[in-house]
């Protein structure tokens, strides 16, 4: 790409997130991941000292429809590059649902 040396995708969010946690890759982002795809991986990234947010910079929960995980050092720079493009997608394709959450069970507290 024009701002990275390359993009590596293995086809499993859990493996991609573990690569971020291990320091093999610096960051990972994706849309429309289900909670069961990312629960363990987000824990691994956070426990390794990384950062996980939505693509518009909000704190990430497993119910969010977008994710940016990083080693923490490149997170701000990644958000700077990704946020304008996410906004373009939202506006041009009317994809407001990217900013919504998946179904949250009744009485489940998501801060």
Protein backbone atom coordinates (compact mmCIF):
# COMPACT_ATOMS: atom_id res chain seq x y z
CA UNK A 1 0.00 0.00 0.00
CA UNK A 2 1.05 3.63 -0.16
CA UNK A 3 1.71 3.88 3.60
CA UNK A 4 2.89 0.40 4.56
CA UNK A 5 5.38 -2.18 3.42
CA UNK A 6 2.64 -4.73 2.92
CA UNK A 7 -0.54 -6.24 4.23
CA UNK A 8 -0.56 -9.76 5.65
CA UNK A 9 -3.86 -11.60 6.07
CA UNK A 10 -4.15 -15.14 7.33
CA UNK A 11 -7.93 -15.47 7.18
CA UNK A 12 -8.52 -15.84 10.92
CA UNK A 13 -8.95 -12.77 13.11
CA UNK A 14 -7.75 -14.67 16.16
CA UNK A 15 -4.43 -15.51 14.48
CA UNK A 16 -4.01 -11.96 13.14
CA UNK A 17 -4.58 -10.55 16.62
CA UNK A 18 -2.10 -12.98 18.14
CA UNK A 19 0.46 -11.81 15.59
CA UNK A 20 -0.07 -8.26 16.85
CA UNK A 21 0.29 -9.45 20.45
CA UNK A 22 3.51 -11.30 19.61
CA UNK A 23 4.98 -8.34 17.73
CA UNK A 24 5.02 -10.14 14.37
CA UNK A 25 2.82 -7.40 12.91
CA UNK A 26 2.28 -3.90 14.24
CA UNK A 27 -1.44 -3.56 13.63
CA UNK A 28 -4.62 -5.22 12.39
CA UNK A 29 -7.96 -3.73 11.35
CA UNK A 30 -11.21 -5.20 10.16
CA UNK A 31 -14.96 -4.65 9.82
CA UNK A 32 -17.87 -6.87 10.86
CA UNK A 33 -16.07 -9.34 13.11
CA UNK A 34 -18.27 -11.34 15.45
CA UNK A 35 -17.50 -11.56 19.19
CA UNK A 36 -16.47 -15.21 18.97
CA UNK A 37 -13.87 -14.29 16.34
CA UNK A 38 -12.05 -11.77 18.50
CA UNK A 39 -12.57 -12.37 22.24
CA UNK A 40 -9.35 -14.27 22.86
CA UNK A 41 -7.30 -12.21 20.40
CA UNK A 42 -8.26 -8.85 21.90
CA UNK A 43 -7.32 -10.18 25.33
CA UNK A 44 -3.94 -11.28 23.97
CA UNK A 45 -3.26 -7.84 22.44
CA UNK A 46 -4.26 -5.98 25.59
CA UNK A 47 -2.28 -8.28 27.88
CA UNK A 48 0.78 -7.80 25.66
CA UNK A 49 0.51 -4.02 26.13
CA UNK A 50 -1.24 -3.25 22.85
CA UNK A 51 -4.29 -1.13 22.20
CA UNK A 52 -7.68 -2.05 20.71
CA UNK A 53 -10.26 0.52 19.55
CA UNK A 54 -12.94 0.86 16.92
CA UNK A 55 -11.88 2.34 13.60
CA UNK A 56 -13.27 5.69 14.68
CA UNK A 57 -11.21 5.64 17.89
CA UNK A 58 -13.76 4.57 20.51
CA UNK A 59 -12.85 1.98 23.14
CA UNK A 60 -13.50 -1.44 21.61
CA UNK A 61 -15.98 -3.98 22.95
CA UNK A 62 -16.60 -7.35 21.34
CA UNK A 63 -20.00 -6.02 20.23
CA UNK A 64 -18.51 -3.32 17.97
CA UNK A 65 -18.50 -3.79 14.19
CA UNK A 66 -15.05 -2.36 13.51
CA UNK A 67 -11.68 -2.92 15.12
CA UNK A 68 -8.17 -1.53 15.11
CA UNK A 69 -5.63 -3.43 17.19
CA UNK A 70 -2.01 -2.36 17.44
CA UNK A 71 1.15 -2.61 19.46
CA UNK A 72 0.14 0.77 20.92
CA UNK A 73 3.08 2.62 19.39
CA UNK A 74 1.53 3.01 15.94
CA UNK A 75 -2.10 3.28 17.03
CA UNK A 76 -2.44 7.04 16.65
CA UNK A 77 -0.81 7.01 13.25
CA UNK A 78 -3.03 4.12 12.10
CA UNK A 79 -6.15 6.00 13.22
CA UNK A 80 -5.00 9.09 11.31
CA UNK A 81 -4.78 7.04 8.12
CA UNK A 82 -7.86 4.89 8.63
CA UNK A 83 -10.45 7.31 10.06
CA UNK A 84 -10.84 9.50 6.95
CA UNK A 85 -11.24 6.43 4.76
CA UNK A 86 -13.82 4.93 7.13
CA UNK A 87 -15.77 8.19 7.00
CA UNK A 88 -15.64 8.11 3.18
CA UNK A 89 -17.06 4.58 3.19
CA UNK A 90 -19.78 5.55 5.65
CA UNK A 91 -20.78 8.59 3.59
CA UNK A 92 -20.42 7.21 0.07
CA UNK A 93 -21.95 3.80 0.70
CA UNK A 94 -24.32 4.84 3.48
CA UNK A 95 -22.78 2.28 5.82
CA UNK A 96 -23.74 3.89 9.15
CA UNK A 97 -24.05 0.40 10.62
CA UNK A 98 -20.24 0.26 10.87
CA UNK A 99 -20.53 2.50 13.93
CA UNK A 100 -23.30 0.43 15.53
CA UNK A 101 -22.95 -2.63 17.71
CA UNK A 102 -24.04 -6.21 17.28
CA UNK A 103 -26.91 -7.50 19.41
CA UNK A 104 -26.19 -6.99 23.09
CA UNK A 105 -28.04 -9.36 25.43
CA UNK A 106 -30.55 -7.72 27.79
CA UNK A 107 -29.06 -6.60 31.11
CA UNK A 108 -25.52 -6.98 29.72
CA UNK A 109 -23.56 -3.91 30.76
CA UNK A 110 -21.23 -2.56 28.07
CA UNK A 111 -19.53 0.57 29.36
